[in-house]
Full PDB file with SEQRES, HELIX, SHEET, SSBOND, CRYST1, ORIGX, SCALE, CONECT and MASTER records, all heavy atoms in Angstrom:
SEQRES   1 A   41  ALA ASP HIS MET PRO SER ILE ARG LYS LEU GLU ALA PHE          
SEQRES   2 A   41  ARG ALA ALA GLY GLY GLU LEU VAL GLU HIS THR MET HIS          
SEQRES   3 A   41  SER LEU GLU GLY GLY HIS ALA ALA ALA LEU LYS LEU VAL          
SEQRES   4 A   41  ARG GLN                                                      
HELIX    1 AA1 MET A    4  ALA A   15  1                                  12    
HELIX    2 AA2 LEU A   28  VAL A   39  1                                  12    
CRYST1    1.000    1.000    1.000  90.00  90.00  90.00 P 1           1          
ORIGX1      1.000000  0.000000  0.000000        0.00000                         
ORIGX2      0.000000  1.000000  0.000000        0.00000                         
ORIGX3      0.000000  0.000000  1.000000        0.00000                         
SCALE1      1.000000  0.000000  0.000000        0.00000                         
SCALE2      0.000000  1.000000  0.000000        0.00000                         
SCALE3      0.000000  0.000000  1.000000        0.00000                         
ATOM      1  N   ALA A   1     111.093  52.165 137.694  1.00  0.00           N  
ATOM      2  CA  ALA A   1     111.710  53.428 137.167  1.00  0.00           C  
ATOM      3  C   ALA A   1     110.989  53.950 135.970  1.00  0.00           C  
ATOM      4  O   ALA A   1     111.146  55.151 135.593  1.00  0.00           O  
ATOM      5  CB  ALA A   1     113.206  53.116 136.814  1.00  0.00           C  
ATOM      6  N   ASP A   2     110.162  53.080 135.310  1.00  0.00           N  
ATOM      7  CA  ASP A   2     109.434  53.572 134.125  1.00  0.00           C  
ATOM      8  C   ASP A   2     108.011  53.930 134.442  1.00  0.00           C  
ATOM      9  O   ASP A   2     107.183  54.156 133.598  1.00  0.00           O  
ATOM     10  CB  ASP A   2     109.440  52.541 132.987  1.00  0.00           C  
ATOM     11  CG  ASP A   2     108.758  51.254 133.438  1.00  0.00           C  
ATOM     12  OD1 ASP A   2     108.465  51.157 134.553  1.00  0.00           O  
ATOM     13  OD2 ASP A   2     108.549  50.399 132.508  1.00  0.00           O  
ATOM     14  N   HIS A   3     107.688  54.057 135.741  1.00  0.00           N  
ATOM     15  CA  HIS A   3     106.245  54.286 136.177  1.00  0.00           C  
ATOM     16  C   HIS A   3     106.194  55.785 136.451  1.00  0.00           C  
ATOM     17  O   HIS A   3     106.819  56.380 137.330  1.00  0.00           O  
ATOM     18  CB  HIS A   3     106.066  53.522 137.495  1.00  0.00           C  
ATOM     19  CG  HIS A   3     104.653  53.758 138.096  1.00  0.00           C  
ATOM     20  ND1 HIS A   3     104.449  54.369 139.320  1.00  0.00           N  
ATOM     21  CD2 HIS A   3     103.428  53.388 137.656  1.00  0.00           C  
ATOM     22  CE1 HIS A   3     103.172  54.404 139.582  1.00  0.00           C  
ATOM     23  NE2 HIS A   3     102.538  53.865 138.581  1.00  0.00           N  
ATOM     24  N   MET A   4     105.364  56.484 135.568  1.00  0.00           N  
ATOM     25  CA  MET A   4     105.283  57.929 135.583  1.00  0.00           C  
ATOM     26  C   MET A   4     104.933  58.584 136.920  1.00  0.00           C  
ATOM     27  O   MET A   4     105.624  59.555 137.360  1.00  0.00           O  
ATOM     28  CB  MET A   4     104.309  58.428 134.473  1.00  0.00           C  
ATOM     29  CG  MET A   4     104.896  58.568 133.155  1.00  0.00           C  
ATOM     30  SD  MET A   4     106.419  59.595 133.033  1.00  0.00           S  
ATOM     31  CE  MET A   4     105.748  61.144 133.585  1.00  0.00           C  
ATOM     32  N   PRO A   5     103.921  58.092 137.717  1.00  0.00           N  
ATOM     33  CA  PRO A   5     103.680  58.758 138.998  1.00  0.00           C  
ATOM     34  C   PRO A   5     104.899  58.601 139.860  1.00  0.00           C  
ATOM     35  O   PRO A   5     105.145  59.574 140.694  1.00  0.00           O  
ATOM     36  CB  PRO A   5     102.498  57.919 139.526  1.00  0.00           C  
ATOM     37  CG  PRO A   5     101.727  57.537 138.314  1.00  0.00           C  
ATOM     38  CD  PRO A   5     102.827  57.206 137.329  1.00  0.00           C  
ATOM     39  N   SER A   6     105.657  57.524 139.860  1.00  0.00           N  
ATOM     40  CA  SER A   6     106.880  57.313 140.640  1.00  0.00           C  
ATOM     41  C   SER A   6     107.917  58.282 140.132  1.00  0.00           C  
ATOM     42  O   SER A   6     108.666  58.841 141.007  1.00  0.00           O  
ATOM     43  CB  SER A   6     107.365  55.945 140.532  1.00  0.00           C  
ATOM     44  OG  SER A   6     106.410  54.954 141.079  1.00  0.00           O  
ATOM     45  N   ILE A   7     108.031  58.541 138.911  1.00  0.00           N  
ATOM     46  CA  ILE A   7     108.967  59.431 138.296  1.00  0.00           C  
ATOM     47  C   ILE A   7     108.646  60.887 138.857  1.00  0.00           C  
ATOM     48  O   ILE A   7     109.556  61.644 139.241  1.00  0.00           O  
ATOM     49  CB  ILE A   7     108.959  59.427 136.780  1.00  0.00           C  
ATOM     50  CG1 ILE A   7     109.550  58.088 136.311  1.00  0.00           C  
ATOM     51  CG2 ILE A   7     109.751  60.604 136.218  1.00  0.00           C  
ATOM     52  CD1 ILE A   7     109.404  57.902 134.789  1.00  0.00           C  
ATOM     53  N   ARG A   8     107.429  61.231 138.893  1.00  0.00           N  
ATOM     54  CA  ARG A   8     107.025  62.527 139.430  1.00  0.00           C  
ATOM     55  C   ARG A   8     107.445  62.628 140.895  1.00  0.00           C  
ATOM     56  O   ARG A   8     107.966  63.758 141.316  1.00  0.00           O  
ATOM     57  CB  ARG A   8     105.533  62.775 139.258  1.00  0.00           C  
ATOM     58  CG  ARG A   8     105.110  63.201 137.873  1.00  0.00           C  
ATOM     59  CD  ARG A   8     103.723  63.526 137.834  1.00  0.00           C  
ATOM     60  NE  ARG A   8     103.318  64.154 136.557  1.00  0.00           N  
ATOM     61  CZ  ARG A   8     102.063  64.656 136.283  1.00  0.00           C  
ATOM     62  NH1 ARG A   8     101.104  64.482 137.175  1.00  0.00           N  
ATOM     63  NH2 ARG A   8     101.802  65.101 135.148  1.00  0.00           N  
ATOM     64  N   LYS A   9     107.206  61.641 141.661  1.00  0.00           N  
ATOM     65  CA  LYS A   9     107.521  61.707 143.050  1.00  0.00           C  
ATOM     66  C   LYS A   9     109.031  61.828 143.225  1.00  0.00           C  
ATOM     67  O   LYS A   9     109.582  62.507 144.057  1.00  0.00           O  
ATOM     68  CB  LYS A   9     107.040  60.476 143.791  1.00  0.00           C  
ATOM     69  CG  LYS A   9     105.468  60.398 143.928  1.00  0.00           C  
ATOM     70  CD  LYS A   9     105.062  59.093 144.688  1.00  0.00           C  
ATOM     71  CE  LYS A   9     103.615  59.057 144.961  1.00  0.00           C  
ATOM     72  NZ  LYS A   9     102.871  58.791 143.670  1.00  0.00           N  
ATOM     73  N   LEU A  10     109.823  61.054 142.415  1.00  0.00           N  
ATOM     74  CA  LEU A  10     111.278  61.035 142.455  1.00  0.00           C  
ATOM     75  C   LEU A  10     111.748  62.463 142.066  1.00  0.00           C  
ATOM     76  O   LEU A  10     112.689  62.991 142.771  1.00  0.00           O  
ATOM     77  CB  LEU A  10     111.831  60.030 141.461  1.00  0.00           C  
ATOM     78  CG  LEU A  10     113.334  60.030 141.320  1.00  0.00           C  
ATOM     79  CD1 LEU A  10     114.072  59.716 142.650  1.00  0.00           C  
ATOM     80  CD2 LEU A  10     113.840  58.965 140.246  1.00  0.00           C  
ATOM     81  N   GLU A  11     111.228  63.060 141.047  1.00  0.00           N  
ATOM     82  CA  GLU A  11     111.696  64.416 140.625  1.00  0.00           C  
ATOM     83  C   GLU A  11     111.497  65.445 141.807  1.00  0.00           C  
ATOM     84  O   GLU A  11     112.291  66.290 142.010  1.00  0.00           O  
ATOM     85  CB  GLU A  11     110.935  64.862 139.388  1.00  0.00           C  
ATOM     86  CG  GLU A  11     111.311  64.038 138.145  1.00  0.00           C  
ATOM     87  CD  GLU A  11     110.496  64.494 136.876  1.00  0.00           C  
ATOM     88  OE1 GLU A  11     109.450  65.039 137.067  1.00  0.00           O  
ATOM     89  OE2 GLU A  11     110.955  64.042 135.836  1.00  0.00           O  
ATOM     90  N   ALA A  12     110.304  65.320 142.486  1.00  0.00           N  
ATOM     91  CA  ALA A  12     110.054  66.260 143.559  1.00  0.00           C  
ATOM     92  C   ALA A  12     110.955  66.014 144.699  1.00  0.00           C  
ATOM     93  O   ALA A  12     111.497  66.916 145.376  1.00  0.00           O  
ATOM     94  CB  ALA A  12     108.596  66.151 144.063  1.00  0.00           C  
ATOM     95  N   PHE A  13     111.315  64.712 144.934  1.00  0.00           N  
ATOM     96  CA  PHE A  13     112.189  64.358 146.045  1.00  0.00           C  
ATOM     97  C   PHE A  13     113.627  64.922 145.737  1.00  0.00           C  
ATOM     98  O   PHE A  13     114.311  65.465 146.620  1.00  0.00           O  
ATOM     99  CB  PHE A  13     112.276  62.815 146.152  1.00  0.00           C  
ATOM    100  CG  PHE A  13     113.063  62.293 147.332  1.00  0.00           C  
ATOM    101  CD1 PHE A  13     112.670  62.462 148.614  1.00  0.00           C  
ATOM    102  CD2 PHE A  13     114.235  61.575 147.090  1.00  0.00           C  
ATOM    103  CE1 PHE A  13     113.292  61.989 149.655  1.00  0.00           C  
ATOM    104  CE2 PHE A  13     114.949  61.130 148.138  1.00  0.00           C  
ATOM    105  CZ  PHE A  13     114.535  61.235 149.490  1.00  0.00           C  
ATOM    106  N   ARG A  14     114.078  64.699 144.565  1.00  0.00           N  
ATOM    107  CA  ARG A  14     115.391  65.282 144.112  1.00  0.00           C  
ATOM    108  C   ARG A  14     115.536  66.742 144.179  1.00  0.00           C  
ATOM    109  O   ARG A  14     116.426  67.297 144.675  1.00  0.00           O  
ATOM    110  CB  ARG A  14     115.723  64.776 142.713  1.00  0.00           C  
ATOM    111  CG  ARG A  14     115.846  63.255 142.509  1.00  0.00           C  
ATOM    112  CD  ARG A  14     117.184  62.737 142.986  1.00  0.00           C  
ATOM    113  NE  ARG A  14     117.416  61.418 142.455  1.00  0.00           N  
ATOM    114  CZ  ARG A  14     118.063  60.474 143.167  1.00  0.00           C  
ATOM    115  NH1 ARG A  14     118.543  60.732 144.346  1.00  0.00           N  
ATOM    116  NH2 ARG A  14     118.373  59.265 142.584  1.00  0.00           N  
ATOM    117  N   ALA A  15     114.390  67.381 143.669  1.00  0.00           N  
ATOM    118  CA  ALA A  15     114.333  68.877 143.718  1.00  0.00           C  
ATOM    119  C   ALA A  15     114.408  69.413 145.181  1.00  0.00           C  
ATOM    120  O   ALA A  15     114.973  70.536 145.302  1.00  0.00           O  
ATOM    121  CB  ALA A  15     113.094  69.371 143.028  1.00  0.00           C  
ATOM    122  N   ALA A  16     113.949  68.654 146.141  1.00  0.00           N  
ATOM    123  CA  ALA A  16     113.941  69.042 147.545  1.00  0.00           C  
ATOM    124  C   ALA A  16     115.244  68.691 148.260  1.00  0.00           C  
ATOM    125  O   ALA A  16     115.385  68.822 149.463  1.00  0.00           O  
ATOM    126  CB  ALA A  16     112.719  68.571 148.248  1.00  0.00           C  
ATOM    127  N   GLY A  17     116.215  68.132 147.461  1.00  0.00           N  
ATOM    128  CA  GLY A  17     117.477  67.691 148.019  1.00  0.00           C  
ATOM    129  C   GLY A  17     117.560  66.308 148.526  1.00  0.00           C  
ATOM    130  O   GLY A  17     118.631  65.859 149.073  1.00  0.00           O  
ATOM    131  N   GLY A  18     116.582  65.468 148.218  1.00  0.00           N  
ATOM    132  CA  GLY A  18     116.628  64.051 148.567  1.00  0.00           C  
ATOM    133  C   GLY A  18     117.591  63.224 147.731  1.00  0.00           C  
ATOM    134  O   GLY A  18     117.707  63.502 146.511  1.00  0.00           O  
ATOM    135  N   GLU A  19     118.226  62.221 148.290  1.00  0.00           N  
ATOM    136  CA  GLU A  19     119.206  61.457 147.424  1.00  0.00           C  
ATOM    137  C   GLU A  19     119.012  59.977 147.539  1.00  0.00           C  
ATOM    138  O   GLU A  19     119.180  59.253 146.527  1.00  0.00           O  
ATOM    139  CB  GLU A  19     120.624  61.782 148.007  1.00  0.00           C  
ATOM    140  CG  GLU A  19     121.089  63.271 147.881  1.00  0.00           C  
ATOM    141  CD  GLU A  19     122.460  63.474 148.330  1.00  0.00           C  
ATOM    142  OE1 GLU A  19     123.128  62.532 148.881  1.00  0.00           O  
ATOM    143  OE2 GLU A  19     123.001  64.595 148.275  1.00  0.00           O  
ATOM    144  N   LEU A  20     118.512  59.440 148.665  1.00  0.00           N  
ATOM    145  CA  LEU A  20     118.488  58.028 148.739  1.00  0.00           C  
ATOM    146  C   LEU A  20     117.203  57.471 148.297  1.00  0.00           C  
ATOM    147  O   LEU A  20     116.054  57.730 148.836  1.00  0.00           O  
ATOM    148  CB  LEU A  20     118.581  57.641 150.304  1.00  0.00           C  
ATOM    149  CG  LEU A  20     119.917  58.058 150.904  1.00  0.00           C  
ATOM    150  CD1 LEU A  20     119.907  57.888 152.399  1.00  0.00           C  
ATOM    151  CD2 LEU A  20     121.069  57.298 150.354  1.00  0.00           C  
ATOM    152  N   VAL A  21     117.183  56.697 147.185  1.00  0.00           N  
ATOM    153  CA  VAL A  21     115.989  56.279 146.514  1.00  0.00           C  
ATOM    154  C   VAL A  21     116.089  54.730 146.134  1.00  0.00           C  
ATOM    155  O   VAL A  21     117.173  54.272 145.792  1.00  0.00           O  
ATOM    156  CB  VAL A  21     115.806  57.030 145.146  1.00  0.00           C  
ATOM    157  CG1 VAL A  21     114.549  56.552 144.499  1.00  0.00           C  
ATOM    158  CG2 VAL A  21     115.596  58.464 145.456  1.00  0.00           C  
ATOM    159  N   GLU A  22     114.948  54.047 146.340  1.00  0.00           N  
ATOM    160  CA  GLU A  22     114.863  52.662 145.911  1.00  0.00           C  
ATOM    161  C   GLU A  22     113.617  52.429 145.090  1.00  0.00           C  
ATOM    162  O   GLU A  22     112.505  52.898 145.593  1.00  0.00           O  
ATOM    163  CB  GLU A  22     114.866  51.704 147.091  1.00  0.00           C  
ATOM    164  CG  GLU A  22     116.173  51.609 147.912  1.00  0.00           C  
ATOM    165  CD  GLU A  22     117.303  51.040 147.156  1.00  0.00           C  
ATOM    166  OE1 GLU A  22     117.049  50.213 146.178  1.00  0.00           O  
ATOM    167  OE2 GLU A  22     118.462  51.342 147.389  1.00  0.00           O  
ATOM    168  N   HIS A  23     113.698  51.799 143.915  1.00  0.00           N  
ATOM    169  CA  HIS A  23     112.553  51.438 143.130  1.00  0.00           C  
ATOM    170  C   HIS A  23     112.288  50.017 143.346  1.00  0.00           C  
ATOM    171  O   HIS A  23     113.186  49.170 143.641  1.00  0.00           O  
ATOM    172  CB  HIS A  23     113.010  51.595 141.598  1.00  0.00           C  
ATOM    173  CG  HIS A  23     113.154  53.021 141.180  1.00  0.00           C  
ATOM    174  ND1 HIS A  23     112.031  53.823 140.893  1.00  0.00           N  
ATOM    175  CD2 HIS A  23     114.232  53.746 140.980  1.00  0.00           C  
ATOM    176  CE1 HIS A  23     112.451  55.064 140.463  1.00  0.00           C  
ATOM    177  NE2 HIS A  23     113.785  55.067 140.602  1.00  0.00           N  
ATOM    178  N   THR A  24     110.928  49.708 143.331  1.00  0.00           N  
ATOM    179  CA  THR A  24     110.517  48.321 143.572  1.00  0.00           C  
ATOM    180  C   THR A  24     109.162  48.090 142.940  1.00  0.00           C  
ATOM    181  O   THR A  24     108.585  49.065 142.366  1.00  0.00           O  
ATOM    182  CB  THR A  24     110.486  48.077 145.031  1.00  0.00           C  
ATOM    183  OG1 THR A  24     110.201  46.678 145.307  1.00  0.00           O  
ATOM    184  CG2 THR A  24     109.430  48.895 145.714  1.00  0.00           C  
ATOM    185  N   MET A  25     108.685  46.899 143.102  1.00  0.00           N  
ATOM    186  CA  MET A  25     107.280  46.629 142.631  1.00  0.00           C  
ATOM    187  C   MET A  25     106.263  47.182 143.681  1.00  0.00           C  
ATOM    188  O   MET A  25     106.564  47.255 144.885  1.00  0.00           O  
ATOM    189  CB  MET A  25     107.091  45.140 142.398  1.00  0.00           C  
ATOM    190  CG  MET A  25     108.015  44.531 141.326  1.00  0.00           C  
ATOM    191  SD  MET A  25     107.896  45.396 139.758  1.00  0.00           S  
ATOM    192  CE  MET A  25     106.244  45.045 139.265  1.00  0.00           C  
ATOM    193  N   HIS A  26     105.087  47.483 143.230  1.00  0.00           N  
ATOM    194  CA  HIS A  26     103.999  47.985 144.132  1.00  0.00           C  
ATOM    195  C   HIS A  26     103.372  46.805 144.893  1.00  0.00           C  
ATOM    196  O   HIS A  26     102.401  46.308 144.548  1.00  0.00           O  
ATOM    197  CB  HIS A  26     102.996  48.776 143.429  1.00  0.00           C  
ATOM    198  CG  HIS A  26     103.421  50.113 143.052  1.00  0.00           C  
ATOM    199  ND1 HIS A  26     103.683  50.422 141.688  1.00  0.00           N  
ATOM    200  CD2 HIS A  26     103.593  51.246 143.772  1.00  0.00           C  
ATOM    201  CE1 HIS A  26     104.011  51.731 141.627  1.00  0.00           C  
ATOM    202  NE2 HIS A  26     103.945  52.227 142.821  1.00  0.00           N  
ATOM    203  N   SER A  27     104.070  46.453 146.064  1.00  0.00           N  
ATOM    204  CA  SER A  27     103.469  45.381 146.888  1.00  0.00           C  
ATOM    205  C   SER A  27     104.165  45.562 148.288  1.00  0.00           C  
ATOM    206  O   SER A  27     105.188  46.224 148.421  1.00  0.00           O  
ATOM    207  CB  SER A  27     103.844  44.013 146.333  1.00  0.00           C  
ATOM    208  OG  SER A  27     105.214  43.838 146.331  1.00  0.00           O  
ATOM    209  N   LEU A  28     103.571  44.935 149.250  1.00  0.00           N  
ATOM    210  CA  LEU A  28     104.121  44.903 150.610  1.00  0.00           C  
ATOM    211  C   LEU A  28     105.531  44.249 150.571  1.00  0.00           C  
ATOM    212  O   LEU A  28     106.517  44.742 151.229  1.00  0.00           O  
ATOM    213  CB  LEU A  28     103.235  44.187 151.534  1.00  0.00           C  
ATOM    214  CG  LEU A  28     103.587  44.158 153.063  1.00  0.00           C  
ATOM    215  CD1 LEU A  28     102.306  44.135 153.871  1.00  0.00           C  
ATOM    216  CD2 LEU A  28     104.518  43.098 153.480  1.00  0.00           C  
ATOM    217  N   GLU A  29     105.712  43.200 149.823  1.00  0.00           N  
ATOM    218  CA  GLU A  29     106.988  42.464 149.694  1.00  0.00           C  
ATOM    219  C   GLU A  29     108.043  43.412 149.061  1.00  0.00           C  
ATOM    220  O   GLU A  29     109.207  43.471 149.456  1.00  0.00           O  
ATOM    221  CB  GLU A  29     106.866  41.208 148.943  1.00  0.00           C  
ATOM    222  CG  GLU A  29     106.067  40.133 149.614  1.00  0.00           C  
ATOM    223  CD  GLU A  29     104.556  40.397 149.568  1.00  0.00           C  
ATOM    224  OE1 GLU A  29     104.095  41.254 148.706  1.00  0.00           O  
ATOM    225  OE2 GLU A  29     103.776  39.797 150.358  1.00  0.00           O  
ATOM    226  N   GLY A  30     107.520  44.145 148.104  1.00  0.00           N  
ATOM    227  CA  GLY A  30     108.516  45.101 147.354  1.00  0.00           C  
ATOM    228  C   GLY A  30     108.963  46.197 148.354  1.00  0.00           C  
ATOM    229  O   GLY A  30     110.094  46.507 148.334  1.00  0.00           O  
ATOM    230  N   GLY A  31     108.060  46.672 149.130  1.00  0.00           N  
ATOM    231  CA  GLY A  31     108.280  47.717 150.041  1.00  0.00           C  
ATOM    232  C   GLY A  31     109.304  47.237 151.136  1.00  0.00           C  
ATOM    233  O   GLY A  31     110.262  47.881 151.513  1.00  0.00           O  
ATOM    234  N   HIS A  32     109.108  45.996 151.498  1.00  0.00           N  
ATOM    235  CA  HIS A  32     110.046  45.383 152.537  1.00  0.00           C  
ATOM    236  C   HIS A  32     111.472  45.363 151.981  1.00  0.00           C  
ATOM    237  O   HIS A  32     112.411  45.750 152.638  1.00  0.00           O  
ATOM    238  CB  HIS A  32     109.512  44.033 152.945  1.00  0.00           C  
ATOM    239  CG  HIS A  32     110.433  43.290 153.866  1.00  0.00           C  
ATOM    240  ND1 HIS A  32     111.511  42.475 153.499  1.00  0.00           N  
ATOM    241  CD2 HIS A  32     110.457  43.248 155.218  1.00  0.00           C  
ATOM    242  CE1 HIS A  32     112.126  41.933 154.506  1.00  0.00           C  
ATOM    243  NE2 HIS A  32     111.480  42.352 155.525  1.00  0.00           N  
ATOM    244  N   ALA A  33     111.602  44.758 150.757  1.00  0.00           N  
ATOM    245  CA  ALA A  33     112.928  44.583 150.216  1.00  0.00           C  
ATOM    246  C   ALA A  33     113.592  45.961 150.009  1.00  0.00           C  
ATOM    247  O   ALA A  33     114.769  46.157 150.259  1.00  0.00           O  
ATOM    248  CB  ALA A  33     112.779  43.849 148.891  1.00  0.00           C  
ATOM    249  N   ALA A  34     112.870  46.948 149.457  1.00  0.00           N  
ATOM    250  CA  ALA A  34     113.474  48.217 149.143  1.00  0.00           C  
ATOM    251  C   ALA A  34     113.847  48.981 150.425  1.00  0.00           C  
ATOM    252  O   ALA A  34     114.915  49.629 150.517  1.00  0.00           O  
ATOM    253  CB  ALA A  34     112.495  49.087 148.322  1.00  0.00           C  
ATOM    254  N   ALA A  35     112.937  48.968 151.404  1.00  0.00           N  
ATOM    255  CA  ALA A  35     113.162  49.696 152.671  1.00  0.00           C  
ATOM    256  C   ALA A  35     114.309  49.099 153.354  1.00  0.00           C  
ATOM    257  O   ALA A  35     115.064  49.859 154.115  1.00  0.00           O  
ATOM    258  CB  ALA A  35     111.882  49.739 153.495  1.00  0.00           C  
ATOM    259  N   LEU A  36     114.501  47.809 153.352  1.00  0.00           N  
ATOM    260  CA  LEU A  36     115.592  47.172 154.022  1.00  0.00           C  
ATOM    261  C   LEU A  36     116.935  47.733 153.615  1.00  0.00           C  
ATOM    262  O   LEU A  36     117.866  47.980 154.377  1.00  0.00           O  
ATOM    263  CB  LEU A  36     115.523  45.659 153.837  1.00  0.00           C  
ATOM    264  CG  LEU A  36     116.532  44.799 154.727  1.00  0.00           C  
ATOM    265  CD1 LEU A  36     116.171  45.078 156.207  1.00  0.00           C  
ATOM    266  CD2 LEU A  36     116.349  43.368 154.441  1.00  0.00           C  
ATOM    267  N   LYS A  37     117.009  48.001 152.270  1.00  0.00           N  
ATOM    268  CA  LYS A  37     118.301  48.673 151.762  1.00  0.00           C  
ATOM    269  C   LYS A  37     118.530  50.041 152.342  1.00  0.00           C  
ATOM    270  O   LYS A  37     119.641  50.390 152.632  1.00  0.00           O  
ATOM    271  CB  LYS A  37     118.184  48.694 150.285  1.00  0.00           C  
ATOM    272  CG  LYS A  37     118.103  47.309 149.504  1.00  0.00           C  
ATOM    273  CD  LYS A  37     118.063  47.555 148.053  1.00  0.00           C  
ATOM    274  CE  LYS A  37     117.915  46.211 147.277  1.00  0.00           C  
ATOM    275  NZ  LYS A  37     117.812  46.336 145.818  1.00  0.00           N  
ATOM    276  N   LEU A  38     117.384  50.809 152.493  1.00  0.00           N  
ATOM    277  CA  LEU A  38     117.495  52.108 153.053  1.00  0.00           C  
ATOM    278  C   LEU A  38     117.855  52.118 154.565  1.00  0.00           C  
ATOM    279  O   LEU A  38     118.672  52.892 155.048  1.00  0.00           O  
ATOM    280  CB  LEU A  38     116.215  52.870 152.841  1.00  0.00           C  
ATOM    281  CG  LEU A  38     115.858  53.203 151.355  1.00  0.00           C  
ATOM    282  CD1 LEU A  38     114.499  53.802 151.307  1.00  0.00           C  
ATOM    283  CD2 LEU A  38     116.977  54.131 150.783  1.00  0.00           C  
ATOM    284  N   VAL A  39     117.269  51.127 155.269  1.00  0.00           N  
ATOM    285  CA  VAL A  39     117.485  50.942 156.671  1.00  0.00           C  
ATOM    286  C   VAL A  39     119.005  50.698 156.998  1.00  0.00           C  
ATOM    287  O   VAL A  39     119.603  51.209 157.888  1.00  0.00           O  
ATOM    288  CB  VAL A  39     116.626  49.900 157.325  1.00  0.00           C  
ATOM    289  CG1 VAL A  39     117.027  49.633 158.765  1.00  0.00           C  
ATOM    290  CG2 VAL A  39     115.170  50.403 157.281  1.00  0.00           C  
ATOM    291  N   ARG A  40     119.515  49.824 156.049  1.00  0.00           N  
ATOM    292  CA  ARG A  40     120.909  49.572 156.235  1.00  0.00           C  
ATOM    293  C   ARG A  40     121.918  50.668 155.859  1.00  0.00           C  
ATOM    294  O   ARG A  40     123.092  50.719 156.093  1.00  0.00           O  
ATOM    295  CB  ARG A  40     121.318  48.291 155.259  1.00  0.00           C  
ATOM    296  CG  ARG A  40     120.670  47.042 155.736  1.00  0.00           C  
ATOM    297  CD  ARG A  40     120.787  45.897 154.728  1.00  0.00           C  
ATOM    298  NE  ARG A  40     120.288  44.659 155.270  1.00  0.00           N  
ATOM    299  CZ  ARG A  40     120.021  43.597 154.488  1.00  0.00           C  
ATOM    300  NH1 ARG A  40     120.252  43.630 153.175  1.00  0.00           N  
ATOM    301  NH2 ARG A  40     119.514  42.437 155.045  1.00  0.00           N  
ATOM    302  N   GLN A  41     121.308  51.798 155.309  1.00  0.00           N  
ATOM    303  CA  GLN A  41     122.049  53.002 155.071  1.00  0.00           C  
ATOM    304  C   GLN A  41     121.759  54.015 156.112  1.00  0.00           C  
ATOM    305  O   GLN A  41     122.082  55.204 155.979  1.00  0.00           O  
ATOM    306  CB  GLN A  41     121.685  53.541 153.691  1.00  0.00           C  
ATOM    307  CG  GLN A  41     122.108  52.676 152.481  1.00  0.00           C  
ATOM    308  CD  GLN A  41     121.644  53.144 151.137  1.00  0.00           C  
ATOM    309  OE1 GLN A  41     122.292  54.138 150.718  1.00  0.00           O  
ATOM    310  NE2 GLN A  41     120.675  52.500 150.556  1.00  0.00           N  
TER     311      GLN A  41                                                      
MASTER        0    0    0    2    0    0    0    6  310    1    0    4          
END                                                                             
């Protein structure tokens, strides 16, 4: 959440009406854990 490029992407996503967001570490494992939460939604 304190990573500026991620903040920029999040702001663009919100501005376009996106709501479902997960923050994680930049790794394959991080992507797996975060995406699993979204898939369950």
